[in-house]
PDB file of N, CA and C in Angstrom:
ATOM      1  N   UNK A   1     -32.970  -6.172  16.470  1.00  0.00           N
ATOM      2  CA  UNK A   1     -31.396  -6.702  16.653  1.00  0.00           C
ATOM      3  C   UNK A   1     -30.735  -5.820  17.024  1.00  0.00           C
ATOM      4  N   UNK A   2     -30.368  -5.842  18.191  1.00  0.00           N
ATOM      5  CA  UNK A   2     -29.423  -5.022  18.663  1.00  0.00           C
ATOM      6  C   UNK A   2     -27.858  -5.273  18.017  1.00  0.00           C
ATOM      7  N   UNK A   3     -27.161  -4.243  18.230  1.00  0.00           N
ATOM      8  CA  UNK A   3     -25.616  -4.508  17.636  1.00  0.00           C
ATOM      9  C   UNK A   3     -24.873  -4.482  19.002  1.00  0.00           C
ATOM     10  N   UNK A   4     -23.508  -5.348  19.129  1.00  0.00           N
ATOM     11  CA  UNK A   4     -22.813  -5.276  19.729  1.00  0.00           C
ATOM     12  C   UNK A   4     -21.583  -4.828  19.372  1.00  0.00           C
ATOM     13  N   UNK A   5     -20.466  -4.165  20.215  1.00  0.00           N
ATOM     14  CA  UNK A   5     -19.784  -3.488  19.704  1.00  0.00           C
ATOM     15  C   UNK A   5     -18.673  -4.061  18.811  1.00  0.00           C
ATOM     16  N   UNK A   6     -18.644  -5.311  18.970  1.00  0.00           N
ATOM     17  CA  UNK A   6     -17.808  -5.917  18.084  1.00  0.00           C
ATOM     18  C   UNK A   6     -18.213  -6.739  16.551  1.00  0.00           C
ATOM     19  N   UNK A   7     -19.699  -6.200  16.426  1.00  0.00           N
ATOM     20  CA  UNK A   7     -20.464  -6.465  15.053  1.00  0.00           C
ATOM     21  C   UNK A   7     -19.955  -5.905  13.853  1.00  0.00           C
ATOM     22  N   UNK A   8     -19.637  -6.222  13.219  1.00  0.00           N
ATOM     23  CA  UNK A   8     -19.461  -5.509  11.796  1.00  0.00           C
ATOM     24  C   UNK A   8     -20.645  -5.318  10.884  1.00  0.00           C
ATOM     25  N   UNK A   9     -21.154  -4.071  10.886  1.00  0.00           N
ATOM     26  CA  UNK A   9     -22.361  -4.268  10.060  1.00  0.00           C
ATOM     27  C   UNK A   9     -22.085  -3.478   9.195  1.00  0.00           C
ATOM     28  N   UNK A  10     -21.383  -2.192   8.733  1.00  0.00           N
ATOM     29  CA  UNK A  10     -21.326  -1.748   7.786  1.00  0.00           C
ATOM     30  C   UNK A  10     -19.803  -1.729   7.028  1.00  0.00           C
ATOM     31  N   UNK A  11     -19.319  -1.099   5.782  1.00  0.00           N
ATOM     32  CA  UNK A  11     -18.168  -0.953   5.283  1.00  0.00           C
ATOM     33  C   UNK A  11     -17.504   0.071   6.220  1.00  0.00           C
ATOM     34  N   UNK A  12     -18.316   1.353   6.371  1.00  0.00           N
ATOM     35  CA  UNK A  12     -17.433   2.159   7.210  1.00  0.00           C
ATOM     36  C   UNK A  12     -16.902   2.055   8.715  1.00  0.00           C
ATOM     37  N   UNK A  13     -18.068   0.969   9.261  1.00  0.00           N
ATOM     38  CA  UNK A  13     -17.535   0.357  10.683  1.00  0.00           C
ATOM     39  C   UNK A  13     -15.942  -0.350  10.698  1.00  0.00           C
ATOM     40  N   UNK A  14     -15.948  -0.973   9.300  1.00  0.00           N
ATOM     41  CA  UNK A  14     -15.396  -2.052   9.559  1.00  0.00           C
ATOM     42  C   UNK A  14     -13.537  -1.284   9.076  1.00  0.00           C
ATOM     43  N   UNK A  15     -13.506  -0.263   7.915  1.00  0.00           N
ATOM     44  CA  UNK A  15     -12.522   0.822   7.685  1.00  0.00           C
ATOM     45  C   UNK A  15     -12.262   1.222   8.918  1.00  0.00           C
ATOM     46  N   UNK A  16     -13.152   2.269   9.780  1.00  0.00           N
ATOM     47  CA  UNK A  16     -12.858   2.677  11.079  1.00  0.00           C
ATOM     48  C   UNK A  16     -11.766   2.118  12.171  1.00  0.00           C
ATOM     49  N   UNK A  17     -12.704   0.545  12.121  1.00  0.00           N
ATOM     50  CA  UNK A  17     -11.861  -0.644  13.048  1.00  0.00           C
ATOM     51  C   UNK A  17     -10.374  -0.635  12.440  1.00  0.00           C
ATOM     52  N   UNK A  18     -10.018  -0.898  10.866  1.00  0.00           N
ATOM     53  CA  UNK A  18      -9.104  -1.177  10.720  1.00  0.00           C
ATOM     54  C   UNK A  18      -7.665   0.368  10.736  1.00  0.00           C
ATOM     55  N   UNK A  19      -8.635   1.569  10.651  1.00  0.00           N
ATOM     56  CA  UNK A  19      -7.761   2.620  10.920  1.00  0.00           C
ATOM     57  C   UNK A  19      -7.229   2.894  12.331  1.00  0.00           C
ATOM     58  N   UNK A  20      -8.261   2.560  13.238  1.00  0.00           N
ATOM     59  CA  UNK A  20      -7.587   2.567  14.674  1.00  0.00           C
ATOM     60  C   UNK A  20      -6.577   1.335  14.761  1.00  0.00           C
ATOM     61  N   UNK A  21      -6.312   0.430  14.217  1.00  0.00           N
ATOM     62  CA  UNK A  21      -5.762  -0.595  14.733  1.00  0.00           C
ATOM     63  C   UNK A  21      -4.583  -0.156  13.898  1.00  0.00           C
ATOM     64  N   UNK A  22      -4.437   0.857  12.695  1.00  0.00           N
ATOM     65  CA  UNK A  22      -3.344   0.943  12.034  1.00  0.00           C
ATOM     66  C   UNK A  22      -3.205  -0.152  11.014  1.00  0.00           C
ATOM     67  N   UNK A  23      -4.340  -1.024  10.658  1.00  0.00           N
ATOM     68  CA  UNK A  23      -4.212  -1.955   9.520  1.00  0.00           C
ATOM     69  C   UNK A  23      -4.975  -1.185   8.344  1.00  0.00           C
ATOM     70  N   UNK A  24      -4.939  -0.410   8.369  1.00  0.00           N
ATOM     71  CA  UNK A  24      -5.650   0.839   7.220  1.00  0.00           C
ATOM     72  C   UNK A  24      -4.498   0.800   5.859  1.00  0.00           C
ATOM     73  N   UNK A  25      -3.843  -0.083   5.792  1.00  0.00           N
ATOM     74  CA  UNK A  25      -3.034   0.155   4.283  1.00  0.00           C
ATOM     75  C   UNK A  25      -3.652  -0.937   3.177  1.00  0.00           C
ATOM     76  N   UNK A  26      -3.988   0.369   2.238  1.00  0.00           N
ATOM     77  CA  UNK A  26      -4.607  -0.227   0.698  1.00  0.00           C
ATOM     78  C   UNK A  26      -4.115  -1.392  -0.227  1.00  0.00           C
ATOM     79  N   UNK A  27      -4.387  -2.706  -0.523  1.00  0.00           N
ATOM     80  CA  UNK A  27      -3.463  -2.774  -1.535  1.00  0.00           C
ATOM     81  C   UNK A  27      -4.119  -2.477  -2.725  1.00  0.00           C
ATOM     82  N   UNK A  28      -3.290  -1.845  -3.438  1.00  0.00           N
ATOM     83  CA  UNK A  28      -4.024  -1.456  -4.717  1.00  0.00           C
ATOM     84  C   UNK A  28      -3.338  -2.525  -6.316  1.00  0.00           C
ATOM     85  N   UNK A  29      -3.873  -2.692  -7.085  1.00  0.00           N
ATOM     86  CA  UNK A  29      -3.127  -3.386  -8.394  1.00  0.00           C
ATOM     87  C   UNK A  29      -2.770  -2.488  -9.196  1.00  0.00           C
ATOM     88  N   UNK A  30      -1.639  -3.103  -9.551  1.00  0.00           N
ATOM     89  CA  UNK A  30      -0.466  -2.145 -10.435  1.00  0.00           C
ATOM     90  C   UNK A  30      -0.175  -3.608 -11.764  1.00  0.00           C
ATOM     91  N   UNK A  31       0.758  -3.060 -12.277  1.00  0.00           N
ATOM     92  CA  UNK A  31       1.199  -3.981 -13.431  1.00  0.00           C
ATOM     93  C   UNK A  31       2.357  -5.461 -12.596  1.00  0.00           C
ATOM     94  N   UNK A  32       2.798  -4.748 -11.534  1.00  0.00           N
ATOM     95  CA  UNK A  32       3.700  -5.576 -11.073  1.00  0.00           C
ATOM     96  C   UNK A  32       3.235  -6.634  -9.955  1.00  0.00           C
ATOM     97  N   UNK A  33       1.591  -6.397  -9.626  1.00  0.00           N
ATOM     98  CA  UNK A  33       1.154  -7.628  -8.871  1.00  0.00           C
ATOM     99  C   UNK A  33       0.265  -5.743  -7.817  1.00  0.00           C
ATOM    100  N   UNK A  34      -0.109  -6.452  -6.477  1.00  0.00           N
ATOM    101  CA  UNK A  34      -0.710  -5.454  -5.671  1.00  0.00           C
ATOM    102  C   UNK A  34       0.666  -4.755  -4.615  1.00  0.00           C
ATOM    103  N   UNK A  35       0.363  -3.417  -4.480  1.00  0.00           N
ATOM    104  CA  UNK A  35       1.295  -2.831  -3.878  1.00  0.00           C
ATOM    105  C   UNK A  35       0.411  -2.251  -2.574  1.00  0.00           C
ATOM    106  N   UNK A  36       1.152  -1.685  -1.945  1.00  0.00           N
ATOM    107  CA  UNK A  36       0.804  -1.004  -0.705  1.00  0.00           C
ATOM    108  C   UNK A  36       1.400   0.621  -0.471  1.00  0.00           C
ATOM    109  N   UNK A  37       0.916   1.222   0.896  1.00  0.00           N
ATOM    110  CA  UNK A  37       1.691   2.319   1.269  1.00  0.00           C
ATOM    111  C   UNK A  37       3.191   2.224   1.264  1.00  0.00           C
ATOM    112  N   UNK A  38       4.098   1.019   1.872  1.00  0.00           N
ATOM    113  CA  UNK A  38       5.315   0.795   1.690  1.00  0.00           C
ATOM    114  C   UNK A  38       5.813   0.442   0.216  1.00  0.00           C
ATOM    115  N   UNK A  39       5.272   0.760  -0.713  1.00  0.00           N
ATOM    116  CA  UNK A  39       5.594   0.580  -2.215  1.00  0.00           C
ATOM    117  C   UNK A  39       6.286  -0.831  -2.602  1.00  0.00           C
ATOM    118  N   UNK A  40       5.981  -1.686  -1.880  1.00  0.00           N
ATOM    119  CA  UNK A  40       6.829  -2.858  -2.402  1.00  0.00           C
ATOM    120  C   UNK A  40       5.592  -3.308  -2.821  1.00  0.00           C
ATOM    121  N   UNK A  41       5.598  -4.804  -4.207  1.00  0.00           N
ATOM    122  CA  UNK A  41       5.404  -5.396  -4.575  1.00  0.00           C
ATOM    123  C   UNK A  41       5.202  -6.592  -4.212  1.00  0.00           C
ATOM    124  N   UNK A  42       3.471  -7.314  -4.409  1.00  0.00           N
ATOM    125  CA  UNK A  42       3.775  -8.702  -3.883  1.00  0.00           C
ATOM    126  C   UNK A  42       2.834  -9.215  -4.951  1.00  0.00           C
ATOM    127  N   UNK A  43       3.216 -10.552  -5.118  1.00  0.00           N
ATOM    128  CA  UNK A  43       2.285 -11.753  -5.830  1.00  0.00           C
ATOM    129  C   UNK A  43       1.674 -12.240  -5.013  1.00  0.00           C
ATOM    130  N   UNK A  44       0.439 -12.950  -5.425  1.00  0.00           N
ATOM    131  CA  UNK A  44      -0.128 -13.770  -4.869  1.00  0.00           C
ATOM    132  C   UNK A  44       0.218 -14.572  -3.979  1.00  0.00           C
ATOM    133  N   UNK A  45       1.394 -15.425  -4.174  1.00  0.00           N
ATOM    134  CA  UNK A  45       2.220 -15.956  -3.450  1.00  0.00           C
ATOM    135  C   UNK A  45       2.474 -15.157  -2.170  1.00  0.00           C
ATOM    136  N   UNK A  46       2.641 -13.861  -2.032  1.00  0.00           N
ATOM    137  CA  UNK A  46       3.163 -13.286  -0.849  1.00  0.00           C
ATOM    138  C   UNK A  46       1.895 -13.107  -0.087  1.00  0.00           C
ATOM    139  N   UNK A  47       0.927 -13.321  -0.234  1.00  0.00           N
ATOM    140  CA  UNK A  47      -0.324 -12.978   0.506  1.00  0.00           C
ATOM    141  C   UNK A  47      -0.925 -14.048   0.977  1.00  0.00           C
ATOM    142  N   UNK A  48      -2.124 -13.594   2.049  1.00  0.00           N
ATOM    143  CA  UNK A  48      -3.155 -14.754   2.261  1.00  0.00           C
ATOM    144  C   UNK A  48      -3.955 -13.413   2.552  1.00  0.00           C
ATOM    145  N   UNK A  49      -5.581 -13.702   2.256  1.00  0.00           N
ATOM    146  CA  UNK A  49      -6.661 -12.901   2.523  1.00  0.00           C
ATOM    147  C   UNK A  49      -6.686 -13.770   4.086  1.00  0.00           C
ATOM    148  N   UNK A  50      -7.229 -13.198   5.040  1.00  0.00           N
ATOM    149  CA  UNK A  50      -7.621 -13.498   6.449  1.00  0.00           C
ATOM    150  C   UNK A  50      -8.825 -13.371   6.686  1.00  0.00           C
ATOM    151  N   UNK A  51      -9.428 -12.547   6.064  1.00  0.00           N
ATOM    152  CA  UNK A  51     -10.857 -12.014   6.291  1.00  0.00           C
ATOM    153  C   UNK A  51     -11.457 -11.343   4.825  1.00  0.00           C
ATOM    154  N   UNK A  52     -13.064 -12.034   4.786  1.00  0.00           N
ATOM    155  CA  UNK A  52     -13.528 -11.388   3.508  1.00  0.00           C
ATOM    156  C   UNK A  52     -15.060 -10.948   4.353  1.00  0.00           C
ATOM    157  N   UNK A  53     -15.414  -9.314   3.833  1.00  0.00           N
ATOM    158  CA  UNK A  53     -16.581  -9.061   4.328  1.00  0.00           C
ATOM    159  C   UNK A  53     -17.149  -8.369   2.943  1.00  0.00           C
ATOM    160  N   UNK A  54     -18.299  -9.017   3.161  1.00  0.00           N
ATOM    161  CA  UNK A  54     -19.801  -8.367   2.206  1.00  0.00           C
ATOM    162  C   UNK A  54     -20.308  -8.028   2.900  1.00  0.00           C
ATOM    163  N   UNK A  55     -21.067  -6.396   1.684  1.00  0.00           N
ATOM    164  CA  UNK A  55     -21.588  -5.463   2.118  1.00  0.00           C
ATOM    165  C   UNK A  55     -22.554  -5.367   1.127  1.00  0.00           C
ATOM    166  N   UNK A  56     -24.064  -5.608   1.274  1.00  0.00           N
ATOM    167  CA  UNK A  56     -25.284  -4.703   0.524  1.00  0.00           C
ATOM    168  C   UNK A  56     -25.681  -3.674   0.761  1.00  0.00           C
ATOM    169  N   UNK A  57     -26.138  -2.856  -0.197  1.00  0.00           N
ATOM    170  CA  UNK A  57     -26.449  -1.655  -0.101  1.00  0.00           C
ATOM    171  C   UNK A  57     -28.111  -1.928   0.368  1.00  0.00           C
ATOM    172  N   UNK A  58     -28.636  -1.120   1.675  1.00  0.00           N
ATOM    173  CA  UNK A  58     -30.099  -1.414   2.464  1.00  0.00           C
ATOM    174  C   UNK A  58     -30.857  -1.104   1.339  1.00  0.00           C
ATOM    175  N   UNK A  59     -30.762  -0.032   0.330  1.00  0.00           N
ATOM    176  CA  UNK A  59     -31.734   0.737  -0.656  1.00  0.00           C
ATOM    177  C   UNK A  59     -31.722  -0.365  -1.935  1.00  0.00           C
ATOM    178  N   UNK A  60     -30.810  -0.709  -2.072  1.00  0.00           N
ATOM    179  CA  UNK A  60     -30.409  -1.232  -3.073  1.00  0.00           C
ATOM    180  C   UNK A  60     -29.361  -2.210  -3.520  1.00  0.00           C
ATOM    181  N   UNK A  61     -29.593  -3.877  -3.399  1.00  0.00           N
ATOM    182  CA  UNK A  61     -28.834  -5.340  -3.720  1.00  0.00           C
ATOM    183  C   UNK A  61     -27.887  -4.843  -4.483  1.00  0.00           C
ATOM    184  N   UNK A  62     -28.075  -4.246  -5.410  1.00  0.00           N
ATOM    185  CA  UNK A  62     -26.972  -4.336  -6.377  1.00  0.00           C
ATOM    186  C   UNK A  62     -25.749  -3.206  -6.066  1.00  0.00           C
ATOM    187  N   UNK A  63     -26.387  -2.742  -4.792  1.00  0.00           N
ATOM    188  CA  UNK A  63     -25.138  -1.899  -4.501  1.00  0.00           C
ATOM    189  C   UNK A  63     -24.269  -2.740  -3.210  1.00  0.00           C
ATOM    190  N   UNK A  64     -23.522  -3.194  -4.245  1.00  0.00           N
ATOM    191  CA  UNK A  64     -22.511  -4.285  -2.966  1.00  0.00           C
ATOM    192  C   UNK A  64     -21.272  -4.286  -3.249  1.00  0.00           C
ATOM    193  N   UNK A  65     -20.547  -4.478  -2.470  1.00  0.00           N
ATOM    194  CA  UNK A  65     -19.048  -4.361  -2.101  1.00  0.00           C
ATOM    195  C   UNK A  65     -18.347  -5.649  -1.229  1.00  0.00           C
ATOM    196  N   UNK A  66     -17.381  -5.668  -1.576  1.00  0.00           N
ATOM    197  CA  UNK A  66     -16.272  -6.426  -1.172  1.00  0.00           C
ATOM    198  C   UNK A  66     -15.073  -6.214  -0.351  1.00  0.00           C
ATOM    199  N   UNK A  67     -14.653  -6.748   0.634  1.00  0.00           N
ATOM    200  CA  UNK A  67     -13.578  -6.043   1.124  1.00  0.00           C
ATOM    201  C   UNK A  67     -12.527  -7.334   2.061  1.00  0.00           C
ATOM    202  N   UNK A  68     -11.347  -7.226   1.179  1.00  0.00           N
ATOM    203  CA  UNK A  68     -10.680  -8.182   1.754  1.00  0.00           C
ATOM    204  C   UNK A  68      -9.795  -8.183   2.558  1.00  0.00           C
ATOM    205  N   UNK A  69      -9.541  -8.488   3.821  1.00  0.00           N
ATOM    206  CA  UNK A  69      -8.511  -8.390   4.726  1.00  0.00           C
ATOM    207  C   UNK A  69      -7.129  -9.195   4.514  1.00  0.00           C
ATOM    208  N   UNK A  70      -6.200  -8.649   3.970  1.00  0.00           N
ATOM    209  CA  UNK A  70      -5.125  -9.239   3.452  1.00  0.00           C
ATOM    210  C   UNK A  70      -3.815  -9.086   4.486  1.00  0.00           C
ATOM    211  N   UNK A  71      -3.073 -10.783   4.547  1.00  0.00           N
ATOM    212  CA  UNK A  71      -2.023 -10.340   5.052  1.00  0.00           C
ATOM    213  C   UNK A  71      -0.796 -10.690   4.360  1.00  0.00           C
ATOM    214  N   UNK A  72       0.180  -9.681   4.398  1.00  0.00           N
ATOM    215  CA  UNK A  72       1.742  -9.916   3.276  1.00  0.00           C
ATOM    216  C   UNK A  72       2.756 -10.803   4.221  1.00  0.00           C
ATOM    217  N   UNK A  73       3.409 -11.430   3.272  1.00  0.00           N
ATOM    218  CA  UNK A  73       3.978 -12.301   3.957  1.00  0.00           C
ATOM    219  C   UNK A  73       5.429 -11.613   5.202  1.00  0.00           C
ATOM    220  N   UNK A  74       5.681 -10.465   4.938  1.00  0.00           N
ATOM    221  CA  UNK A  74       6.616  -9.408   5.770  1.00  0.00           C
ATOM    222  C   UNK A  74       5.473  -9.046   6.737  1.00  0.00           C
ATOM    223  N   UNK A  75       4.351  -9.556   7.290  1.00  0.00           N
ATOM    224  CA  UNK A  75       3.420  -9.218   8.545  1.00  0.00           C
ATOM    225  C   UNK A  75       2.678  -8.090   8.061  1.00  0.00           C
ATOM    226  N   UNK A  76       2.705  -7.333   6.940  1.00  0.00           N
ATOM    227  CA  UNK A  76       1.738  -5.916   6.478  1.00  0.00           C
ATOM    228  C   UNK A  76       0.710  -6.568   6.637  1.00  0.00           C
ATOM    229  N   UNK A  77      -0.575  -5.792   7.333  1.00  0.00           N
ATOM    230  CA  UNK A  77      -1.804  -6.172   7.157  1.00  0.00           C
ATOM    231  C   UNK A  77      -2.492  -5.062   6.331  1.00  0.00           C
ATOM    232  N   UNK A  78      -2.797  -5.080   5.462  1.00  0.00           N
ATOM    233  CA  UNK A  78      -3.970  -4.065   4.617  1.00  0.00           C
ATOM    234  C   UNK A  78      -5.444  -4.785   4.249  1.00  0.00           C
ATOM    235  N   UNK A  79      -5.812  -4.033   3.273  1.00  0.00           N
ATOM    236  CA  UNK A  79      -7.388  -4.006   2.264  1.00  0.00           C
ATOM    237  C   UNK A  79      -7.092  -4.394   0.951  1.00  0.00           C
ATOM    238  N   UNK A  80      -8.409  -4.699   0.410  1.00  0.00           N
ATOM    239  CA  UNK A  80      -8.538  -4.590  -1.539  1.00  0.00           C
ATOM    240  C   UNK A  80      -9.984  -4.482  -1.135  1.00  0.00           C
ATOM    241  N   UNK A  81     -10.260  -3.669  -1.681  1.00  0.00           N
ATOM    242  CA  UNK A  81     -12.079  -3.104  -1.999  1.00  0.00           C
ATOM    243  C   UNK A  81     -12.682  -3.042  -3.386  1.00  0.00           C
ATOM    244  N   UNK A  82     -13.788  -3.923  -3.803  1.00  0.00           N
ATOM    245  CA  UNK A  82     -14.335  -3.852  -4.655  1.00  0.00           C
ATOM    246  C   UNK A  82     -15.565  -4.074  -4.555  1.00  0.00           C
ATOM    247  N   UNK A  83     -16.303  -3.139  -6.156  1.00  0.00           N
ATOM    248  CA  UNK A  83     -17.745  -3.636  -5.624  1.00  0.00           C
ATOM    249  C   UNK A  83     -18.073  -5.027  -6.457  1.00  0.00           C
ATOM    250  N   UNK A  84     -18.990  -5.787  -6.509  1.00  0.00           N
ATOM    251  CA  UNK A  84     -19.350  -6.961  -6.886  1.00  0.00           C
ATOM    252  C   UNK A  84     -20.061  -6.721  -7.876  1.00  0.00           C
ATOM    253  N   UNK A  85     -20.195  -7.858  -9.027  1.00  0.00           N
ATOM    254  CA  UNK A  85     -21.356  -7.985 -10.116  1.00  0.00           C
ATOM    255  C   UNK A  85     -21.310  -7.207 -10.975  1.00  0.00           C
ATOM    256  N   UNK A  86     -22.125  -6.168 -11.663  1.00  0.00           N
ATOM    257  CA  UNK A  86     -22.034  -5.474 -12.642  1.00  0.00           C
ATOM    258  C   UNK A  86     -21.163  -4.285 -12.031  1.00  0.00           C
ATOM    259  N   UNK A  87     -21.357  -4.033 -11.004  1.00  0.00           N
ATOM    260  CA  UNK A  87     -20.641  -2.415 -10.607  1.00  0.00           C
ATOM    261  C   UNK A  87     -19.336  -2.617 -10.272  1.00  0.00           C
ATOM    262  N   UNK A  88     -18.692  -3.826 -10.469  1.00  0.00           N
ATOM    263  CA  UNK A  88     -17.144  -3.849 -10.290  1.00  0.00           C
ATOM    264  C   UNK A  88     -16.071  -3.010 -10.980  1.00  0.00           C
ATOM    265  N   UNK A  89     -15.159  -2.347 -10.447  1.00  0.00           N
ATOM    266  CA  UNK A  89     -14.382  -1.188 -10.613  1.00  0.00           C
ATOM    267  C   UNK A  89     -12.952  -2.130 -10.998  1.00  0.00           C
ATOM    268  N   UNK A  90     -12.584  -3.217 -11.116  1.00  0.00           N
ATOM    269  CA  UNK A  90     -11.672  -3.776 -11.455  1.00  0.00           C
ATOM    270  C   UNK A  90     -11.332  -4.743 -12.848  1.00  0.00           C
ATOM    271  N   UNK A  91     -10.832  -5.291 -13.151  1.00  0.00           N
ATOM    272  CA  UNK A  91     -10.686  -5.493 -14.441  1.00  0.00           C
ATOM    273  C   UNK A  91     -10.068  -7.068 -14.333  1.00  0.00           C
ATOM    274  N   UNK A  92     -10.264  -7.834 -15.313  1.00  0.00           N
ATOM    275  CA  UNK A  92      -9.968 -10.105 -14.879  1.00  0.00           C
ATOM    276  C   UNK A  92      -8.993  -9.985 -14.634  1.00  0.00           C
ATOM    277  N   UNK A  93      -8.018  -8.935 -14.676  1.00  0.00           N
ATOM    278  CA  UNK A  93      -6.316  -9.219 -14.090  1.00  0.00           C
ATOM    279  C   UNK A  93      -6.782  -9.017 -12.751  1.00  0.00           C
ATOM    280  N   UNK A  94      -7.392  -8.145 -12.102  1.00  0.00           N
ATOM    281  CA  UNK A  94      -7.726  -7.672 -10.616  1.00  0.00           C
ATOM    282  C   UNK A  94      -8.525  -9.394 -10.290  1.00  0.00           C
ATOM    283  N   UNK A  95      -9.492  -9.595 -10.895  1.00  0.00           N
ATOM    284  CA  UNK A  95     -10.430 -11.191 -10.359  1.00  0.00           C
ATOM    285  C   UNK A  95      -9.327 -12.239 -10.350  1.00  0.00           C
ATOM    286  N   UNK A  96      -8.378 -12.295 -11.406  1.00  0.00           N
ATOM    287  CA  UNK A  96      -7.644 -13.688 -11.014  1.00  0.00           C
ATOM    288  C   UNK A  96      -6.187 -13.254 -10.040  1.00  0.00           C
ATOM    289  N   UNK A  97      -5.912 -12.075  -9.901  1.00  0.00           N
ATOM    290  CA  UNK A  97      -5.209 -12.053  -8.728  1.00  0.00           C
ATOM    291  C   UNK A  97      -5.834 -12.212  -7.945  1.00  0.00           C
ATOM    292  N   UNK A  98      -6.572 -12.124  -7.361  1.00  0.00           N
ATOM    293  CA  UNK A  98      -7.503 -12.202  -6.149  1.00  0.00           C
ATOM    294  C   UNK A  98      -7.726 -13.931  -5.713  1.00  0.00           C
ATOM    295  N   UNK A  99      -7.860 -14.673  -7.272  1.00  0.00           N
ATOM    296  CA  UNK A  99      -8.364 -16.222  -7.033  1.00  0.00           C
ATOM    297  C   UNK A  99      -7.205 -16.322  -6.427  1.00  0.00           C
ATOM    298  N   UNK A 100      -5.922 -16.016  -6.867  1.00  0.00           N
ATOM    299  CA  UNK A 100      -4.733 -17.049  -6.487  1.00  0.00           C
ATOM    300  C   UNK A 100      -4.274 -16.630  -5.209  1.00  0.00           C
ATOM    301  N   UNK A 101      -5.022 -15.833  -4.236  1.00  0.00           N
ATOM    302  CA  UNK A 101      -4.085 -15.507  -3.013  1.00  0.00           C
ATOM    303  C   UNK A 101      -4.871 -16.687  -1.807  1.00  0.00           C
ATOM    304  N   UNK A 102      -4.069 -17.459  -1.159  1.00  0.00           N
ATOM    305  CA  UNK A 102      -4.130 -18.078  -0.566  1.00  0.00           C
ATOM    306  C   UNK A 102      -5.638 -17.651   0.575  1.00  0.00           C
ATOM    307  N   UNK A 103      -6.208 -18.394   0.866  1.00  0.00           N
ATOM    308  CA  UNK A 103      -7.247 -17.974   1.753  1.00  0.00           C
ATOM    309  C   UNK A 103      -7.299 -18.718   3.179  1.00  0.00           C
ATOM    310  N   UNK A 104      -7.217 -18.080   4.164  1.00  0.00           N
ATOM    311  CA  UNK A 104      -7.500 -18.411   5.562  1.00  0.00           C
ATOM    312  C   UNK A 104      -8.085 -17.521   6.609  1.00  0.00           C
ATOM    313  N   UNK A 105      -9.574 -17.598   5.968  1.00  0.00           N
ATOM    314  CA  UNK A 105     -10.418 -16.892   7.320  1.00  0.00           C
ATOM    315  C   UNK A 105     -10.212 -17.205   8.826  1.00  0.00           C
ATOM    316  N   UNK A 106     -10.147 -16.256   9.031  1.00  0.00           N
ATOM    317  CA  UNK A 106      -9.704 -15.770  10.588  1.00  0.00           C
ATOM    318  C   UNK A 106     -10.884 -15.132  11.258  1.00  0.00           C
ATOM    319  N   UNK A 107     -10.546 -15.959  12.653  1.00  0.00           N
ATOM    320  CA  UNK A 107     -12.264 -15.211  13.068  1.00  0.00           C
ATOM    321  C   UNK A 107     -11.637 -13.531  13.739  1.00  0.00           C
ATOM    322  N   UNK A 108     -12.515 -12.521  13.646  1.00  0.00           N
ATOM    323  CA  UNK A 108     -12.498 -11.590  13.615  1.00  0.00           C
ATOM    324  C   UNK A 108     -12.167 -10.862  14.690  1.00  0.00           C
ATOM    325  N   UNK A 109     -12.906 -11.689  15.956  1.00  0.00           N
ATOM    326  CA  UNK A 109     -12.529 -10.845  17.319  1.00  0.00           C
ATOM    327  C   UNK A 109     -10.620 -11.096  17.129  1.00  0.00           C
ATOM    328  N   UNK A 110     -10.368 -12.126  17.082  1.00  0.00           N
ATOM    329  CA  UNK A 110      -8.846 -12.424  16.929  1.00  0.00           C
ATOM    330  C   UNK A 110      -7.956 -10.993  16.373  1.00  0.00           C
ATOM    331  N   UNK A 111      -8.572 -10.456  15.257  1.00  0.00           N
ATOM    332  CA  UNK A 111      -8.035  -9.350  14.555  1.00  0.00           C
ATOM    333  C   UNK A 111      -8.650  -7.818  15.357  1.00  0.00           C
ATOM    334  N   UNK A 112      -9.615  -7.944  16.323  1.00  0.00           N
ATOM    335  CA  UNK A 112     -10.148  -6.621  16.378  1.00  0.00           C
ATOM    336  C   UNK A 112     -10.351  -6.420  17.784  1.00  0.00           C
ATOM    337  N   UNK A 113      -9.740  -7.280  18.813  1.00  0.00           N
ATOM    338  CA  UNK A 113     -10.005  -7.778  19.988  1.00  0.00           C
ATOM    339  C   UNK A 113      -8.758  -6.523  21.029  1.00  0.00           C
TER     340      UNK A 113
END
């Protein structure tokens, strides 16, 4: 299968596309909610998940990760990343927070063209 320039096949490919577009702001979990490089705190109602990417390791299917592309109500776009399954590096608070964020799956072509 030939890969076209717009296909997102690996986590590093997606992260590099985000970096090039200056959308590589990482949302991290704090006691006040998500925060990013602007040091603002966001509640789930301030955020929208605009794309979700899932990756599985080639040699080990349990080596799986998920990247949420997120837009804040102030226009900031960034991501939050987690391993899923038994390797998740976040606690239940993170999972509950992510589930409360509105999901609006947009076409990646809009985001990466």
